[in-house]
C-alpha atoms as a PDB file:
ATOM      1  CA  MET A   1     265.968  41.913  52.498  1.00  0.00           C
ATOM      2  CA  ARG A   2     263.321  43.722  50.449  1.00  0.00           C
ATOM      3  CA  GLY A   3     261.246  44.274  53.595  1.00  0.00           C
ATOM      4  CA  SER A   4     264.227  45.799  55.363  1.00  0.00           C
ATOM      5  CA  VAL A   5     264.779  48.252  52.519  1.00  0.00           C
ATOM      6  CA  VAL A   6     261.135  49.265  52.591  1.00  0.00           C
ATOM      7  CA  LEU A   7     261.340  49.934  56.322  1.00  0.00           C
ATOM      8  CA  GLN A   8     264.481  52.040  55.861  1.00  0.00           C
ATOM      9  CA  ILE A   9     262.828  54.087  53.120  1.00  0.00           C
ATOM     10  CA  GLY A  10     259.741  54.527  55.271  1.00  0.00           C
ATOM     11  CA  ALA A  11     261.837  55.675  58.220  1.00  0.00           C
ATOM     12  CA  LEU A  12     263.712  58.142  56.004  1.00  0.00           C
ATOM     13  CA  ILE A  13     260.449  59.570  54.677  1.00  0.00           C
ATOM     14  CA  LEU A  14     259.142  59.922  58.250  1.00  0.00           C
ATOM     15  CA  VAL A  15     262.291  61.788  59.328  1.00  0.00           C
ATOM     16  CA  LEU A  16     261.996  64.108  56.344  1.00  0.00           C
ATOM     17  CA  LEU A  17     258.342  64.815  57.140  1.00  0.00           C
ATOM     18  CA  ILE A  18     259.114  65.577  60.796  1.00  0.00           C
ATOM     19  CA  THR A  19     262.018  67.851  59.809  1.00  0.00           C
ATOM     20  CA  TRP A  20     259.805  69.697  57.331  1.00  0.00           C
ATOM     21  CA  ALA A  21     257.089  70.160  59.952  1.00  0.00           C
ATOM     22  CA  ILE A  22     259.522  71.517  62.545  1.00  0.00           C
ATOM     23  CA  THR A  23     261.133  73.873  60.023  1.00  0.00           C
ATOM     24  CA  ASN A  24     257.738  75.113  58.851  1.00  0.00           C
ATOM     25  CA  ASP A  25     256.614  75.766  62.430  1.00  0.00           C
ATOM     26  CA  SER A  26     259.877  77.615  63.113  1.00  0.00           C
ATOM     27  CA  PHE A  27     259.263  79.890  60.137  1.00  0.00           C
ATOM     28  CA  ASP A  28     255.731  80.535  61.391  1.00  0.00           C
ATOM     29  CA  VAL A  29     257.039  81.424  64.854  1.00  0.00           C
ATOM     30  CA  HIS A  30     259.600  83.855  63.451  1.00  0.00           C
ATOM     31  CA  LYS A  31     256.993  85.377  61.157  1.00  0.00           C
ATOM     32  CA  THR A  32     254.573  85.792  64.065  1.00  0.00           C
ATOM     33  CA  ALA A  33     257.311  87.411  66.146  1.00  0.00           C
ATOM     34  CA  ARG A  34     258.196  89.790  63.326  1.00  0.00           C
ATOM     35  CA  ASP A  35     254.547  90.670  62.834  1.00  0.00           C
ATOM     36  CA  PHE A  36     254.100  91.318  66.552  1.00  0.00           C
ATOM     37  CA  ILE A  37     257.227  93.453  66.826  1.00  0.00           C
ATOM     38  CA  GLY A  38     256.248  95.283  63.688  1.00  0.00           C
ATOM     39  CA  ARG A  39     252.865  96.114  65.136  1.00  0.00           C
ATOM     40  CA  VAL A  40     254.461  97.406  68.329  1.00  0.00           C
ATOM     41  CA  GLU A  41     256.943  99.546  66.428  1.00  0.00           C
ATOM     42  CA  ASN A  42     254.247 100.983  64.209  1.00  0.00           C
ATOM     43  CA  VAL A  43     251.977 102.084  67.049  1.00  0.00           C
ATOM     44  CA  LYS A  44     251.676 105.862  66.839  1.00  0.00           C
ATOM     45  CA  THR A  45     251.830 107.751  70.127  1.00  0.00           C
ATOM     46  CA  THR A  46     250.715 111.303  70.701  1.00  0.00           C
ATOM     47  CA  PRO A  47     253.175 113.207  72.928  1.00  0.00           C
ATOM     48  CA  ALA A  48     251.718 115.069  75.859  1.00  0.00           C
ATOM     49  CA  PRO A  49     251.324 118.765  75.053  1.00  0.00           C
ATOM     50  CA  LYS A  50     254.082 120.912  76.510  1.00  0.00           C
ATOM     51  CA  MET A  51     252.801 123.605  78.821  1.00  0.00           C
ATOM     52  CA  LYS A  52     254.118 127.139  78.549  1.00  0.00           C
ATOM     53  CA  CYS A  53     257.211 127.695  80.707  1.00  0.00           C
ATOM     54  CA  ASP A  54     256.953 124.012  81.739  1.00  0.00           C
ATOM     55  CA  LEU A  55     254.049 124.616  84.104  1.00  0.00           C
ATOM     56  CA  GLU A  56     252.026 121.617  85.244  1.00  0.00           C
ATOM     57  CA  GLN A  57     248.885 122.945  83.575  1.00  0.00           C
ATOM     58  CA  ASP A  58     247.773 125.690  81.222  1.00  0.00           C
ATOM     59  CA  CYS A  59     247.172 129.128  82.666  1.00  0.00           C
ATOM     60  CA  PRO A  60     243.549 130.307  82.664  1.00  0.00           C
ATOM     61  CA  GLU A  61     242.362 132.990  80.298  1.00  0.00           C
ATOM     62  CA  GLY A  62     243.416 136.455  81.329  1.00  0.00           C
ATOM     63  CA  THR A  63     246.772 135.345  82.738  1.00  0.00           C
ATOM     64  CA  PHE A  64     250.321 134.766  81.481  1.00  0.00           C
ATOM     65  CA  ALA A  65     252.607 131.819  82.285  1.00  0.00           C
ATOM     66  CA  LEU A  66     255.930 132.623  83.909  1.00  0.00           C
ATOM     67  CA  ARG A  67     258.922 130.871  85.389  1.00  0.00           C
ATOM     68  CA  ILE A  68     261.896 132.681  86.890  1.00  0.00           C
ATOM     69  CA  LYS A  69     265.055 130.988  88.122  1.00  0.00           C
ATOM     70  CA  SER A  70     267.912 132.794  89.812  1.00  0.00           C
ATOM     71  CA  GLY A  71     271.548 132.363  88.938  1.00  0.00           C
ATOM     72  CA  ALA A  72     273.722 129.788  90.693  1.00  0.00           C
ATOM     73  CA  ALA A  73     276.504 131.546  92.603  1.00  0.00           C
ATOM     74  CA  ASN A  74     278.453 133.686  90.144  1.00  0.00           C
ATOM     75  CA  VAL A  75     278.803 130.853  87.639  1.00  0.00           C
ATOM     76  CA  VAL A  76     275.481 129.884  86.025  1.00  0.00           C
ATOM     77  CA  GLY A  77     273.181 132.648  84.850  1.00  0.00           C
ATOM     78  CA  PRO A  78     269.458 132.956  85.588  1.00  0.00           C
ATOM     79  CA  LYS A  79     266.561 132.024  83.334  1.00  0.00           C
ATOM     80  CA  ILE A  80     263.384 134.005  82.745  1.00  0.00           C
ATOM     81  CA  CYS A  81     260.460 132.497  80.816  1.00  0.00           C
ATOM     82  CA  PHE A  82     257.303 134.436  79.986  1.00  0.00           C
ATOM     83  CA  ASP A  83     254.246 133.155  78.122  1.00  0.00           C
ATOM     84  CA  GLY A  84     256.208 130.186  76.768  1.00  0.00           C
ATOM     85  CA  GLN A  85     259.225 132.190  75.595  1.00  0.00           C
ATOM     86  CA  ILE A  86     262.671 131.938  77.187  1.00  0.00           C
ATOM     87  CA  VAL A  87     263.451 135.643  77.170  1.00  0.00           C
ATOM     88  CA  MET A  88     266.713 135.543  79.129  1.00  0.00           C
ATOM     89  CA  SER A  89     269.128 132.705  79.865  1.00  0.00           C
ATOM     90  CA  ALA A  90     272.767 131.724  79.767  1.00  0.00           C
ATOM     91  CA  ILE A  91     272.098 129.836  76.527  1.00  0.00           C
ATOM     92  CA  ASN A  92     270.673 133.012  75.010  1.00  0.00           C
ATOM     93  CA  ASN A  93     273.853 134.760  76.139  1.00  0.00           C
ATOM     94  CA  ASN A  94     271.930 137.804  77.378  1.00  0.00           C
ATOM     95  CA  VAL A  95     272.275 137.610  81.164  1.00  0.00           C
ATOM     96  CA  GLY A  96     274.756 139.365  83.416  1.00  0.00           C
ATOM     97  CA  ALA A  97     275.836 140.113  86.962  1.00  0.00           C
ATOM     98  CA  GLY A  98     273.142 141.995  88.837  1.00  0.00           C
ATOM     99  CA  ILE A  99     269.393 142.369  88.415  1.00  0.00           C
ATOM    100  CA  ASN A 100     268.283 140.556  85.265  1.00  0.00           C
ATOM    101  CA  ILE A 101     265.007 142.136  84.234  1.00  0.00           C
ATOM    102  CA  VAL A 102     262.259 141.626  81.660  1.00  0.00           C
ATOM    103  CA  VAL A 103     259.637 144.341  81.164  1.00  0.00           C
ATOM    104  CA  VAL A 104     256.349 143.253  79.592  1.00  0.00           C
ATOM    105  CA  ASN A 105     253.273 145.084  78.379  1.00  0.00           C
ATOM    106  CA  GLY A 106     250.791 143.847  80.955  1.00  0.00           C
ATOM    107  CA  GLU A 107     247.824 143.979  78.576  1.00  0.00           C
ATOM    108  CA  THR A 108     249.252 142.404  75.411  1.00  0.00           C
ATOM    109  CA  GLY A 109     252.009 140.216  76.842  1.00  0.00           C
ATOM    110  CA  ILE A 110     254.551 141.685  74.429  1.00  0.00           C
ATOM    111  CA  VAL A 111     258.061 142.061  75.849  1.00  0.00           C
ATOM    112  CA  ASP A 112     259.026 145.737  75.861  1.00  0.00           C
ATOM    113  CA  LYS A 113     262.660 145.291  76.820  1.00  0.00           C
ATOM    114  CA  HIS A 114     265.054 143.139  78.790  1.00  0.00           C
ATOM    115  CA  GLY A 115     268.601 143.313  80.074  1.00  0.00           C
ATOM    116  CA  PHE A 116     270.606 143.322  83.274  1.00  0.00           C
ATOM    117  CA  LEU A 117     271.296 146.126  85.725  1.00  0.00           C
ATOM    118  CA  ASN A 118     274.937 145.708  86.714  1.00  0.00           C
ATOM    119  CA  THR A 119     275.181 145.751  90.501  1.00  0.00           C
ATOM    120  CA  ILE A 120     278.888 144.904  90.479  1.00  0.00           C
ATOM    121  CA  GLY A 121     280.484 147.431  88.153  1.00  0.00           C
ATOM    122  CA  GLY A 122     277.506 149.626  87.297  1.00  0.00           C
ATOM    123  CA  HIS A 123     276.170 152.839  88.818  1.00  0.00           C
ATOM    124  CA  SER A 124     273.375 153.077  91.355  1.00  0.00           C
ATOM    125  CA  ASP A 125     271.951 156.227  89.765  1.00  0.00           C
ATOM    126  CA  ALA A 126     271.640 154.531  86.375  1.00  0.00           C
ATOM    127  CA  ILE A 127     269.898 151.512  87.926  1.00  0.00           C
ATOM    128  CA  LEU A 128     267.470 153.739  89.810  1.00  0.00           C
ATOM    129  CA  SER A 129     266.741 155.803  86.705  1.00  0.00           C
ATOM    130  CA  TYR A 130     266.029 152.675  84.632  1.00  0.00           C
ATOM    131  CA  LEU A 131     263.564 151.337  87.181  1.00  0.00           C
ATOM    132  CA  LYS A 132     261.780 154.655  87.621  1.00  0.00           C
ATOM    133  CA  GLU A 133     261.307 155.070  83.869  1.00  0.00           C
ATOM    134  CA  ILE A 134     259.317 151.832  83.471  1.00  0.00           C
ATOM    135  CA  GLU A 135     255.765 152.751  82.486  1.00  0.00           C
ATOM    136  CA  PRO A 136     252.885 152.099  84.917  1.00  0.00           C
ATOM    137  CA  GLY A 137     251.066 148.784  84.543  1.00  0.00           C
ATOM    138  CA  ARG A 138     254.092 146.964  83.133  1.00  0.00           C
ATOM    139  CA  ILE A 139     254.788 143.447  84.359  1.00  0.00           C
ATOM    140  CA  VAL A 140     258.363 143.141  85.608  1.00  0.00           C
ATOM    141  CA  LEU A 141     260.263 139.866  85.973  1.00  0.00           C
ATOM    142  CA  LEU A 142     263.523 139.959  87.917  1.00  0.00           C
ATOM    143  CA  ALA A 143     266.206 137.412  88.782  1.00  0.00           C
ATOM    144  CA  SER A 144     269.461 137.811  90.673  1.00  0.00           C
ATOM    145  CA  PHE A 145     272.862 136.734  89.427  1.00  0.00           C
ATOM    146  CA  ASN A 146     275.983 137.225  91.519  1.00  0.00           C
ATOM    147  CA  ASP A 147     275.666 139.819  94.303  1.00  0.00           C
ATOM    148  CA  LEU A 148     272.925 142.473  94.122  1.00  0.00           C
ATOM    149  CA  THR A 149     273.994 144.541  97.117  1.00  0.00           C
ATOM    150  CA  PRO A 150     277.154 146.448  96.026  1.00  0.00           C
ATOM    151  CA  LYS A 151     275.083 149.022  94.107  1.00  0.00           C
ATOM    152  CA  MET A 152     271.779 148.518  95.936  1.00  0.00           C
ATOM    153  CA  THR A 153     270.467 151.649  97.643  1.00  0.00           C
ATOM    154  CA  ASP A 154     267.449 152.404  99.809  1.00  0.00           C
ATOM    155  CA  GLU A 155     265.890 154.272  96.886  1.00  0.00           C
ATOM    156  CA  ILE A 156     266.243 151.259  94.600  1.00  0.00           C
ATOM    157  CA  ARG A 157     264.690 149.061  97.274  1.00  0.00           C
ATOM    158  CA  ASP A 158     261.799 151.526  97.598  1.00  0.00           C
ATOM    159  CA  VAL A 159     261.080 151.401  93.864  1.00  0.00           C
ATOM    160  CA  LEU A 160     261.122 147.596  93.836  1.00  0.00           C
ATOM    161  CA  GLU A 161     258.859 147.575  96.865  1.00  0.00           C
ATOM    162  CA  SER A 162     256.424 149.814  94.988  1.00  0.00           C
ATOM    163  CA  MET A 163     256.254 147.084  92.320  1.00  0.00           C
ATOM    164  CA  GLY A 164     254.921 144.629  94.896  1.00  0.00           C
ATOM    165  CA  SER A 165     258.057 143.211  96.527  1.00  0.00           C
ATOM    166  CA  THR A 166     257.903 142.303 100.207  1.00  0.00           C
ATOM    167  CA  LEU A 167     261.394 140.819 100.517  1.00  0.00           C
ATOM    168  CA  ILE A 168     263.651 143.359  98.832  1.00  0.00           C
ATOM    169  CA  LYS A 169     264.177 145.308 102.049  1.00  0.00           C
ATOM    170  CA  SER A 170     265.636 142.188 103.691  1.00  0.00           C
ATOM    171  CA  LEU A 171     267.946 141.267 100.777  1.00  0.00           C
ATOM    172  CA  LYS A 172     271.564 140.900 101.914  1.00  0.00           C
ATOM    173  CA  SER A 173     274.910 140.223 100.285  1.00  0.00           C
ATOM    174  CA  LYS A 174     274.922 137.184  97.962  1.00  0.00           C
ATOM    175  CA  ASP A 175     271.288 136.286  98.638  1.00  0.00           C
ATOM    176  CA  ASN A 176     269.499 134.764  95.645  1.00  0.00           C
ATOM    177  CA  TRP A 177     266.232 136.478  94.739  1.00  0.00           C
ATOM    178  CA  VAL A 178     263.481 136.174  92.125  1.00  0.00           C
ATOM    179  CA  PHE A 179     260.433 138.370  91.740  1.00  0.00           C
ATOM    180  CA  ALA A 180     257.525 139.112  89.423  1.00  0.00           C
ATOM    181  CA  GLY A 181     255.492 142.240  90.006  1.00  0.00           C
ATOM    182  CA  ARG A 182     253.909 145.207  88.372  1.00  0.00           C
ATOM    183  CA  THR A 183     254.759 148.891  88.248  1.00  0.00           C
ATOM    184  CA  GLY A 184     252.319 150.937  90.268  1.00  0.00           C
ATOM    185  CA  ALA A 185     251.046 147.807  92.001  1.00  0.00           C
ATOM    186  CA  ALA A 186     248.341 148.371  94.580  1.00  0.00           C
ATOM    187  CA  GLU A 187     248.886 144.937  96.133  1.00  0.00           C
ATOM    188  CA  LYS A 188     251.907 142.919  97.151  1.00  0.00           C
ATOM    189  CA  SER A 189     253.004 140.237  94.710  1.00  0.00           C
ATOM    190  CA  PRO A 190     252.734 136.518  95.540  1.00  0.00           C
ATOM    191  CA  PHE A 191     255.535 135.822  93.051  1.00  0.00           C
ATOM    192  CA  GLU A 192     258.694 136.268  95.093  1.00  0.00           C
ATOM    193  CA  LYS A 193     261.295 134.097  96.808  1.00  0.00           C
ATOM    194  CA  ILE A 194     264.636 134.618  98.454  1.00  0.00           C
ATOM    195  CA  SER A 195     267.428 132.191  99.309  1.00  0.00           C
ATOM    196  CA  VAL A 196     269.468 133.525 102.201  1.00  0.00           C
ATOM    197  CA  ASN A 197     273.251 133.462 102.199  1.00  0.00           C
ATOM    198  CA  ASP A 198     274.123 131.440 105.295  1.00  0.00           C
ATOM    199  CA  PRO A 199     277.441 129.580 105.704  1.00  0.00           C
ATOM    200  CA  LYS A 200     275.617 126.836 107.613  1.00  0.00           C
ATOM    201  CA  THR A 201     273.136 126.089 104.841  1.00  0.00           C
ATOM    202  CA  ASN A 202     274.804 127.352 101.644  1.00  0.00           C
ATOM    203  CA  LYS A 203     274.816 124.879  98.782  1.00  0.00           C
ATOM    204  CA  TYR A 204     277.710 126.368  96.808  1.00  0.00           C
ATOM    205  CA  GLU A 205     280.274 127.227  99.504  1.00  0.00           C
ATOM    206  CA  LYS A 206     279.775 130.992  99.833  1.00  0.00           C
ATOM    207  CA  TRP A 207     276.503 130.992  97.897  1.00  0.00           C
ATOM    208  CA  PRO A 208     272.969 129.785  98.714  1.00  0.00           C
ATOM    209  CA  GLU A 209     270.910 127.442  96.578  1.00  0.00           C
ATOM    210  CA  VAL A 210     269.111 128.526  93.433  1.00  0.00           C
ATOM    211  CA  VAL A 211     265.612 129.888  93.962  1.00  0.00           C
ATOM    212  CA  GLU A 212     262.709 129.631  91.518  1.00  0.00           C
ATOM    213  CA  ILE A 213     259.108 130.762  91.104  1.00  0.00           C
ATOM    214  CA  SER A 214     256.446 129.862  88.560  1.00  0.00           C
ATOM    215  CA  GLY A 215     252.763 130.374  87.977  1.00  0.00           C
ATOM    216  CA  CYS A 216     250.157 132.438  86.169  1.00  0.00           C
ATOM    217  CA  ILE A 217     250.263 136.205  86.553  1.00  0.00           C
ATOM    218  CA  PRO A 218     247.098 138.185  85.723  1.00  0.00           C
ATOM    219  CA  LYS A 219     247.057 140.586  82.818  1.00  0.00           C
ATOM    220  CA  THR A 220     247.014 144.285  83.591  1.00  0.00           C
ATOM    221  CA  SER A 221     243.432 145.496  83.507  1.00  0.00           C
ATOM    222  CA  SER A 222     242.870 148.319  81.042  1.00  0.00           C
END
């Protein structure tokens, strides 16, 4: 009888020891997991530097970053970014139907003025006068919104061509167009695209797809 009691007590002690060991190991596992997770959560990451105007790489010295996006149909306005600054956009609430334009001092990169030349309800003479009055050597950034042709004249096309455009003469009703050039340019600009209004390929029923350009435009040499 006494031997049986001793065995029972021994078995109970063994069970208690095993239970304690398992519980202790469980605590260690949870602690290790918490430590591991904690280390992961506390790892500091350095975000990749954001390039000006969301370009893939920084522009070299002596150039300015730019990105110009046309409007979408007559619904979503264009966006013009220069040297890392969103100068015109629908969010900024400073775009309108017609030629959206930003004029920049080509040497300093300072924005002289910006606005939109209304080609729907505006006047051709006023648009022509505005373009002609831009000082020589200024960088000009232009984006279409809505239809540019109602107030477009041959004289206006000539002035834009003198800024380096090669596509303005072919612009037709409801085409989307973006351009970056320079007043008094001696060479044609590589910063220009057009999206042709074609019922067979239009993305927005009667309107073509949005068109966009980006890159690094050289400063105006003094």
